[in-house]
C-alpha atoms as a PDB file:
ATOM      1  CA  MET A   1     -33.583  -6.847  48.663  1.00  0.00           C
ATOM      2  CA  ASN A   2     -31.286  -7.296  45.693  1.00  0.00           C
ATOM      3  CA  GLY A   3     -27.918  -9.195  45.312  1.00  0.00           C
ATOM      4  CA  ILE A   4     -27.142 -12.734  46.642  1.00  0.00           C
ATOM      5  CA  LEU A   5     -29.061 -14.582  49.005  1.00  0.00           C
ATOM      6  CA  TYR A   6     -27.703 -17.306  51.298  1.00  0.00           C
ATOM      7  CA  ILE A   7     -29.928 -20.019  51.621  1.00  0.00           C
ATOM      8  CA  VAL A   8     -28.770 -22.662  54.638  1.00  0.00           C
ATOM      9  CA  VAL A   9     -30.497 -25.598  55.828  1.00  0.00           C
ATOM     10  CA  ILE A  10     -30.279 -26.765  59.211  1.00  0.00           C
ATOM     11  CA  TYR A  11     -31.432 -29.818  60.763  1.00  0.00           C
ATOM     12  CA  ARG A  12     -31.360 -30.840  64.366  1.00  0.00           C
ATOM     13  CA  ILE A  13     -29.205 -28.210  65.276  1.00  0.00           C
ATOM     14  CA  ARG A  14     -29.573 -24.283  66.355  1.00  0.00           C
ATOM     15  CA  GLU A  15     -28.840 -21.661  64.164  1.00  0.00           C
ATOM     16  CA  GLU A  16     -25.866 -20.266  66.083  1.00  0.00           C
ATOM     17  CA  ASP A  17     -24.130 -23.787  66.239  1.00  0.00           C
ATOM     18  CA  SER A  18     -24.234 -24.040  62.193  1.00  0.00           C
ATOM     19  CA  LEU A  19     -20.672 -23.600  60.967  1.00  0.00           C
ATOM     20  CA  ALA A  20     -22.118 -21.871  57.666  1.00  0.00           C
ATOM     21  CA  CYS A  21     -24.431 -19.707  59.545  1.00  0.00           C
ATOM     22  CA  ARG A  22     -21.562 -18.712  62.418  1.00  0.00           C
ATOM     23  CA  SER A  23     -19.171 -18.098  59.549  1.00  0.00           C
ATOM     24  CA  LEU A  24     -21.617 -15.906  57.575  1.00  0.00           C
ATOM     25  CA  ARG A  25     -22.445 -13.738  60.518  1.00  0.00           C
ATOM     26  CA  GLN A  26     -18.898 -13.273  61.331  1.00  0.00           C
ATOM     27  CA  LEU A  27     -18.091 -12.055  57.746  1.00  0.00           C
ATOM     28  CA  LEU A  28     -21.202 -10.206  56.890  1.00  0.00           C
ATOM     29  CA  GLY A  29     -22.027  -8.650  60.070  1.00  0.00           C
ATOM     30  CA  ASP A  30     -25.423  -8.924  61.943  1.00  0.00           C
ATOM     31  CA  GLU A  31     -27.444  -6.465  59.593  1.00  0.00           C
ATOM     32  CA  LEU A  32     -26.131  -7.972  56.347  1.00  0.00           C
ATOM     33  CA  TYR A  33     -26.641 -11.509  57.449  1.00  0.00           C
ATOM     34  CA  ARG A  34     -30.304 -10.508  58.848  1.00  0.00           C
ATOM     35  CA  GLN A  35     -30.791  -9.361  55.178  1.00  0.00           C
ATOM     36  CA  GLN A  36     -28.999 -12.043  53.072  1.00  0.00           C
ATOM     37  CA  VAL A  37     -29.283 -14.898  54.785  1.00  0.00           C
ATOM     38  CA  TYR A  38     -32.571 -17.394  54.674  1.00  0.00           C
ATOM     39  CA  VAL A  39     -32.113 -20.320  56.989  1.00  0.00           C
ATOM     40  CA  HIS A  40     -34.742 -23.023  56.843  1.00  0.00           C
ATOM     41  CA  ASP A  41     -34.857 -24.927  60.206  1.00  0.00           C
ATOM     42  CA  ASN A  42     -36.178 -28.750  58.739  1.00  0.00           C
ATOM     43  CA  THR A  43     -35.711 -30.256  62.382  1.00  0.00           C
ATOM     44  CA  GLU A  44     -39.761 -29.976  62.632  1.00  0.00           C
ATOM     45  CA  ASP A  45     -41.449 -30.198  59.163  1.00  0.00           C
ATOM     46  CA  ASN A  46     -38.786 -32.690  57.799  1.00  0.00           C
ATOM     47  CA  ILE A  47     -39.629 -31.616  54.187  1.00  0.00           C
ATOM     48  CA  TYR A  48     -36.439 -32.928  53.000  1.00  0.00           C
ATOM     49  CA  LEU A  49     -33.610 -30.745  50.563  1.00  0.00           C
ATOM     50  CA  ALA A  50     -35.183 -30.375  47.732  1.00  0.00           C
ATOM     51  CA  ALA A  51     -38.500 -28.853  49.246  1.00  0.00           C
ATOM     52  CA  ALA A  52     -36.573 -26.656  51.468  1.00  0.00           C
ATOM     53  CA  TYR A  53     -34.691 -25.376  48.744  1.00  0.00           C
ATOM     54  CA  ASN A  54     -37.619 -24.560  46.782  1.00  0.00           C
ATOM     55  CA  LYS A  55     -38.696 -22.599  50.059  1.00  0.00           C
ATOM     56  CA  GLY A  56     -35.403 -20.774  49.920  1.00  0.00           C
ATOM     57  CA  TYR A  57     -35.830 -20.114  45.977  1.00  0.00           C
ATOM     58  CA  GLY A  58     -39.305 -18.754  46.524  1.00  0.00           C
ATOM     59  CA  TYR A  59     -38.063 -16.330  49.165  1.00  0.00           C
ATOM     60  CA  ALA A  60     -35.311 -15.448  46.846  1.00  0.00           C
ATOM     61  CA  GLN A  61     -38.066 -14.338  43.875  1.00  0.00           C
ATOM     62  CA  GLN A  62     -40.336 -12.666  46.437  1.00  0.00           C
ATOM     63  CA  HIS A  63     -37.424 -10.211  47.486  1.00  0.00           C
ATOM     64  CA  GLY A  64     -36.118  -9.887  44.114  1.00  0.00           C
ATOM     65  CA  CYS A  65     -32.805 -11.644  44.700  1.00  0.00           C
ATOM     66  CA  GLN A  66     -30.647 -11.769  41.676  1.00  0.00           C
ATOM     67  CA  TRP A  67     -28.656 -14.897  42.885  1.00  0.00           C
ATOM     68  CA  MET A  68     -28.872 -17.797  45.455  1.00  0.00           C
ATOM     69  CA  VAL A  69     -26.089 -19.737  47.466  1.00  0.00           C
ATOM     70  CA  LEU A  70     -27.258 -22.976  48.845  1.00  0.00           C
ATOM     71  CA  LEU A  71     -25.114 -23.838  51.912  1.00  0.00           C
ATOM     72  CA  ASP A  72     -25.267 -27.030  54.093  1.00  0.00           C
ATOM     73  CA  ASP A  73     -25.258 -26.184  57.552  1.00  0.00           C
ATOM     74  CA  ASP A  74     -21.639 -27.861  58.235  1.00  0.00           C
ATOM     75  CA  THR A  75     -19.782 -25.749  55.446  1.00  0.00           C
ATOM     76  CA  GLU A  76     -17.562 -23.011  56.589  1.00  0.00           C
ATOM     77  CA  ILE A  77     -17.543 -19.871  54.521  1.00  0.00           C
ATOM     78  CA  THR A  78     -14.522 -17.825  54.219  1.00  0.00           C
ATOM     79  CA  GLU A  79     -13.488 -14.191  53.224  1.00  0.00           C
ATOM     80  CA  GLU A  80     -11.915 -15.390  50.077  1.00  0.00           C
ATOM     81  CA  TYR A  81     -14.737 -17.204  48.857  1.00  0.00           C
ATOM     82  CA  LEU A  82     -17.126 -13.916  49.549  1.00  0.00           C
ATOM     83  CA  THR A  83     -15.055 -11.903  47.639  1.00  0.00           C
ATOM     84  CA  GLU A  84     -14.939 -14.329  44.701  1.00  0.00           C
ATOM     85  CA  LEU A  85     -18.749 -14.715  44.892  1.00  0.00           C
ATOM     86  CA  GLN A  86     -19.186 -10.825  44.681  1.00  0.00           C
ATOM     87  CA  ARG A  87     -16.967 -10.397  41.520  1.00  0.00           C
ATOM     88  CA  ILE A  88     -19.018 -13.407  39.899  1.00  0.00           C
ATOM     89  CA  THR A  89     -22.448 -12.251  40.837  1.00  0.00           C
ATOM     90  CA  ASN A  90     -22.028  -8.831  39.183  1.00  0.00           C
ATOM     91  CA  GLN A  91     -21.595 -10.651  35.931  1.00  0.00           C
ATOM     92  CA  ASP A  92     -24.569 -11.290  33.577  1.00  0.00           C
ATOM     93  CA  GLY A  93     -25.971 -14.500  35.274  1.00  0.00           C
ATOM     94  CA  SER A  94     -25.613 -17.078  32.400  1.00  0.00           C
ATOM     95  CA  PHE A  95     -23.911 -19.528  34.361  1.00  0.00           C
ATOM     96  CA  VAL A  96     -23.587 -21.507  37.616  1.00  0.00           C
ATOM     97  CA  ALA A  97     -20.863 -21.506  39.825  1.00  0.00           C
ATOM     98  CA  VAL A  98     -19.327 -23.959  42.004  1.00  0.00           C
ATOM     99  CA  PRO A  99     -16.824 -23.923  44.785  1.00  0.00           C
ATOM    100  CA  ARG A 100     -14.000 -26.547  45.456  1.00  0.00           C
ATOM    101  CA  LEU A 101     -15.110 -28.326  48.403  1.00  0.00           C
ATOM    102  CA  GLU A 102     -12.598 -29.883  50.750  1.00  0.00           C
ATOM    103  CA  ASP A 103     -12.608 -32.418  53.387  1.00  0.00           C
ATOM    104  CA  SER A 104     -10.397 -31.655  56.661  1.00  0.00           C
ATOM    105  CA  ALA A 105      -7.452 -33.532  54.868  1.00  0.00           C
ATOM    106  CA  GLY A 106      -7.469 -31.090  52.168  1.00  0.00           C
ATOM    107  CA  ARG A 107      -8.519 -33.656  49.700  1.00  0.00           C
ATOM    108  CA  LEU A 108     -11.041 -32.405  47.167  1.00  0.00           C
ATOM    109  CA  LEU A 109     -14.597 -33.676  47.343  1.00  0.00           C
ATOM    110  CA  SER A 110     -16.324 -31.488  45.054  1.00  0.00           C
ATOM    111  CA  PRO A 111     -16.746 -30.625  42.053  1.00  0.00           C
ATOM    112  CA  PHE A 112     -15.665 -34.177  40.189  1.00  0.00           C
ATOM    113  CA  GLN A 113     -16.779 -36.015  36.822  1.00  0.00           C
ATOM    114  CA  TYR A 114     -19.585 -38.364  36.806  1.00  0.00           C
ATOM    115  CA  HIS A 115     -20.186 -40.066  33.751  1.00  0.00           C
ATOM    116  CA  GLY A 116     -17.914 -37.526  31.843  1.00  0.00           C
ATOM    117  CA  ARG A 117     -19.541 -34.789  33.085  1.00  0.00           C
ATOM    118  CA  LEU A 118     -18.779 -31.942  35.534  1.00  0.00           C
ATOM    119  CA  THR A 119     -20.923 -32.665  38.933  1.00  0.00           C
ATOM    120  CA  ALA A 120     -20.466 -31.044  42.603  1.00  0.00           C
ATOM    121  CA  PHE A 121     -22.207 -30.882  45.822  1.00  0.00           C
ATOM    122  CA  ASN A 122     -24.903 -28.152  46.134  1.00  0.00           C
ATOM    123  CA  SER A 123     -23.283 -26.635  48.955  1.00  0.00           C
ATOM    124  CA  GLY A 124     -21.683 -23.415  48.160  1.00  0.00           C
ATOM    125  CA  VAL A 125     -23.316 -23.578  44.779  1.00  0.00           C
ATOM    126  CA  ALA A 126     -24.141 -20.102  43.098  1.00  0.00           C
ATOM    127  CA  ILE A 127     -27.269 -19.817  41.081  1.00  0.00           C
ATOM    128  CA  PRO A 128     -28.900 -17.038  39.213  1.00  0.00           C
ATOM    129  CA  VAL A 129     -32.198 -17.026  40.208  1.00  0.00           C
ATOM    130  CA  GLY A 130     -33.582 -16.087  36.484  1.00  0.00           C
ATOM    131  CA  LEU A 131     -31.468 -18.488  35.393  1.00  0.00           C
ATOM    132  CA  MET A 132     -33.163 -21.225  37.811  1.00  0.00           C
ATOM    133  CA  ARG A 133     -36.780 -19.506  36.838  1.00  0.00           C
ATOM    134  CA  ASP A 134     -36.214 -19.740  33.130  1.00  0.00           C
ATOM    135  CA  ALA A 135     -34.298 -23.027  32.483  1.00  0.00           C
ATOM    136  CA  ILE A 136     -34.755 -25.393  35.536  1.00  0.00           C
ATOM    137  CA  GLY A 137     -38.006 -24.499  37.452  1.00  0.00           C
ATOM    138  CA  THR A 138     -37.838 -25.890  40.843  1.00  0.00           C
ATOM    139  CA  PHE A 139     -35.941 -28.518  42.691  1.00  0.00           C
ATOM    140  CA  SER A 140     -37.106 -31.955  41.913  1.00  0.00           C
ATOM    141  CA  THR A 141     -38.852 -33.381  44.792  1.00  0.00           C
ATOM    142  CA  ASP A 142     -38.414 -37.042  42.747  1.00  0.00           C
ATOM    143  CA  PHE A 143     -34.935 -36.557  44.506  1.00  0.00           C
ATOM    144  CA  PRO A 144     -36.217 -35.055  48.007  1.00  0.00           C
ATOM    145  CA  LEU A 145     -32.677 -35.475  49.832  1.00  0.00           C
ATOM    146  CA  ASP A 146     -29.929 -37.976  48.114  1.00  0.00           C
ATOM    147  CA  TYR A 147     -28.785 -37.353  44.438  1.00  0.00           C
ATOM    148  CA  LEU A 148     -30.602 -34.090  44.278  1.00  0.00           C
ATOM    149  CA  ASP A 149     -26.998 -32.111  43.360  1.00  0.00           C
ATOM    150  CA  TYR A 150     -26.544 -35.029  40.634  1.00  0.00           C
ATOM    151  CA  TRP A 151     -29.948 -34.403  39.237  1.00  0.00           C
ATOM    152  CA  PHE A 152     -29.293 -30.635  39.089  1.00  0.00           C
ATOM    153  CA  PHE A 153     -26.370 -30.582  37.251  1.00  0.00           C
ATOM    154  CA  LEU A 154     -27.530 -33.160  34.816  1.00  0.00           C
ATOM    155  CA  GLN A 155     -30.424 -30.333  34.347  1.00  0.00           C
ATOM    156  CA  LEU A 156     -27.436 -27.665  33.419  1.00  0.00           C
ATOM    157  CA  ARG A 157     -26.163 -30.336  30.966  1.00  0.00           C
ATOM    158  CA  HIS A 158     -29.546 -30.884  29.402  1.00  0.00           C
ATOM    159  CA  LYS A 159     -30.080 -26.955  29.158  1.00  0.00           C
ATOM    160  CA  GLY A 160     -26.906 -26.442  27.809  1.00  0.00           C
ATOM    161  CA  ILE A 161     -25.753 -23.889  31.029  1.00  0.00           C
ATOM    162  CA  LYS A 162     -22.235 -23.337  31.929  1.00  0.00           C
ATOM    163  CA  VAL A 163     -20.501 -24.240  35.183  1.00  0.00           C
ATOM    164  CA  ARG A 164     -17.705 -22.185  36.212  1.00  0.00           C
ATOM    165  CA  VAL A 165     -15.302 -23.900  39.083  1.00  0.00           C
ATOM    166  CA  MET A 166     -14.164 -21.013  41.520  1.00  0.00           C
ATOM    167  CA  GLN A 167     -10.777 -20.696  42.804  1.00  0.00           C
ATOM    168  CA  SER A 168     -11.982 -20.713  46.198  1.00  0.00           C
ATOM    169  CA  SER A 169     -12.100 -23.667  48.491  1.00  0.00           C
ATOM    170  CA  LEU A 170     -14.411 -24.511  51.409  1.00  0.00           C
ATOM    171  CA  ARG A 171     -14.150 -26.746  54.141  1.00  0.00           C
ATOM    172  CA  HIS A 172     -17.013 -29.674  54.020  1.00  0.00           C
ATOM    173  CA  SER A 173     -17.972 -32.586  55.897  1.00  0.00           C
ATOM    174  CA  LEU A 174     -19.413 -35.408  54.013  1.00  0.00           C
ATOM    175  CA  SER A 175     -22.380 -37.171  55.818  1.00  0.00           C
ATOM    176  CA  ILE A 176     -22.171 -40.363  53.813  1.00  0.00           C
ATOM    177  CA  SER A 177     -18.119 -40.437  53.160  1.00  0.00           C
ATOM    178  CA  ASP A 178     -18.710 -44.043  54.726  1.00  0.00           C
ATOM    179  CA  TYR A 179     -21.911 -46.091  53.916  1.00  0.00           C
ATOM    180  CA  SER A 180     -21.383 -48.460  57.281  1.00  0.00           C
ATOM    181  CA  GLN A 181     -22.063 -45.116  59.243  1.00  0.00           C
ATOM    182  CA  VAL A 182     -25.244 -44.169  57.918  1.00  0.00           C
ATOM    183  CA  SER A 183     -28.673 -45.246  59.274  1.00  0.00           C
ATOM    184  CA  GLU A 184     -30.256 -48.250  57.549  1.00  0.00           C
ATOM    185  CA  GLU A 185     -32.991 -45.962  56.385  1.00  0.00           C
ATOM    186  CA  ARG A 186     -30.829 -43.372  54.969  1.00  0.00           C
ATOM    187  CA  TYR A 187     -28.865 -46.423  53.004  1.00  0.00           C
ATOM    188  CA  GLN A 188     -32.279 -47.188  51.906  1.00  0.00           C
ATOM    189  CA  SER A 189     -32.835 -43.891  50.685  1.00  0.00           C
ATOM    190  CA  LEU A 190     -29.684 -44.170  48.951  1.00  0.00           C
ATOM    191  CA  LEU A 191     -30.394 -47.073  47.081  1.00  0.00           C
ATOM    192  CA  THR A 192     -33.790 -45.468  45.887  1.00  0.00           C
ATOM    193  CA  ALA A 193     -32.236 -42.372  44.794  1.00  0.00           C
ATOM    194  CA  GLU A 194     -29.442 -44.182  42.930  1.00  0.00           C
ATOM    195  CA  LYS A 195     -31.576 -45.935  40.762  1.00  0.00           C
ATOM    196  CA  ARG A 196     -33.767 -43.078  40.179  1.00  0.00           C
ATOM    197  CA  PHE A 197     -31.073 -40.978  38.929  1.00  0.00           C
ATOM    198  CA  ALA A 198     -29.787 -44.018  36.802  1.00  0.00           C
ATOM    199  CA  GLU A 199     -33.091 -44.317  35.105  1.00  0.00           C
ATOM    200  CA  GLU A 200     -33.437 -40.184  34.715  1.00  0.00           C
ATOM    201  CA  GLU A 201     -30.351 -40.459  32.851  1.00  0.00           C
ATOM    202  CA  GLY A 202     -31.460 -42.983  30.448  1.00  0.00           C
ATOM    203  CA  GLY A 203     -29.603 -45.036  27.650  1.00  0.00           C
ATOM    204  CA  VAL A 204     -27.108 -47.343  29.291  1.00  0.00           C
ATOM    205  CA  TYR A 205     -26.739 -45.684  32.579  1.00  0.00           C
ATOM    206  CA  PRO A 206     -29.573 -48.238  34.416  1.00  0.00           C
ATOM    207  CA  PHE A 207     -27.506 -50.918  32.894  1.00  0.00           C
ATOM    208  CA  LEU A 208     -24.220 -49.333  34.188  1.00  0.00           C
ATOM    209  CA  TYR A 209     -25.959 -49.123  37.866  1.00  0.00           C
ATOM    210  CA  ARG A 210     -26.863 -52.332  38.221  1.00  0.00           C
ATOM    211  CA  LEU A 211     -23.091 -53.611  37.476  1.00  0.00           C
ATOM    212  CA  ARG A 212     -22.019 -50.995  39.760  1.00  0.00           C
ATOM    213  CA  LEU A 213     -24.569 -51.964  42.560  1.00  0.00           C
ATOM    214  CA  LEU A 214     -23.506 -56.044  41.619  1.00  0.00           C
ATOM    215  CA  GLY A 215     -19.799 -55.211  42.238  1.00  0.00           C
ATOM    216  CA  ARG A 216     -20.531 -53.231  45.338  1.00  0.00           C
ATOM    217  CA  ALA A 217     -22.628 -56.243  46.784  1.00  0.00           C
ATOM    218  CA  VAL A 218     -19.544 -58.529  46.082  1.00  0.00           C
ATOM    219  CA  LYS A 219     -16.886 -56.362  47.529  1.00  0.00           C
ATOM    220  CA  TRP A 220     -19.224 -55.951  50.685  1.00  0.00           C
ATOM    221  CA  THR A 221     -19.719 -59.703  50.971  1.00  0.00           C
ATOM    222  CA  LEU A 222     -16.029 -60.170  50.745  1.00  0.00           C
ATOM    223  CA  THR A 223     -15.465 -57.552  53.696  1.00  0.00           C
ATOM    224  CA  GLY A 224     -18.564 -58.475  55.587  1.00  0.00           C
ATOM    225  CA  HIS A 225     -20.327 -55.181  55.079  1.00  0.00           C
ATOM    226  CA  ARG A 226     -23.231 -54.608  57.358  1.00  0.00           C
ATOM    227  CA  TYR A 227     -25.523 -53.429  54.047  1.00  0.00           C
ATOM    228  CA  THR A 228     -24.504 -56.434  52.346  1.00  0.00           C
ATOM    229  CA  LYS A 229     -27.943 -57.840  51.981  1.00  0.00           C
ATOM    230  CA  GLU A 230     -29.709 -54.524  51.138  1.00  0.00           C
ATOM    231  CA  THR A 231     -27.289 -54.164  48.294  1.00  0.00           C
ATOM    232  CA  TRP A 232     -28.002 -57.617  46.824  1.00  0.00           C
ATOM    233  CA  ARG A 233     -31.741 -57.273  47.452  1.00  0.00           C
ATOM    234  CA  ALA A 234     -31.319 -54.142  45.237  1.00  0.00           C
ATOM    235  CA  ALA A 235     -29.105 -55.360  42.652  1.00  0.00           C
ATOM    236  CA  VAL A 236     -31.291 -58.569  41.856  1.00  0.00           C
END
């Protein structure tokens, strides 16, 4: 196998009910779908996102794939995206390509600037397999779920790897757009990852993280947010 491997991680959903899988099958056809799509069902083993990505990455290496594309199960793939992706992946593989992700109202979710550097959500990101092997290694299990995408783009910056923003836009559902709708366990995971990433950045960023967290705690105290106490505990 050569070319592109699409890595889709599904959780508590059937493959045929995944928007990413359905749209890929429709656009690629059954034969290419079987050849080019790696679906990791994370429902039973629940090894979190980083480990699931690493399994897909290992599969890409074993089968001689040149590029891999990470996909959330609820990202809808378009013909325009696949056409642009094919053109991009015929190039030298010295960069990472990211699509524009939009919500249902057409608002841009990704890419965005974080602490003055280009960052993006992982869904739809195209990564040369050789570049991943030689420059990054594997996806960090220190960030098993949350902030894994922030960590990845920080590594690209450290390694001087260029990020190319695609013209294509994909519709994407952001699962944590409203903290009040996530479980307490997930919010604690977010707090842990947020702190760990600030420490990974180093310099002034752990201090800025504390200020940001204190600001969130004050704001949520005034609005009666359900996770106000948890945020204060993390901040102090």
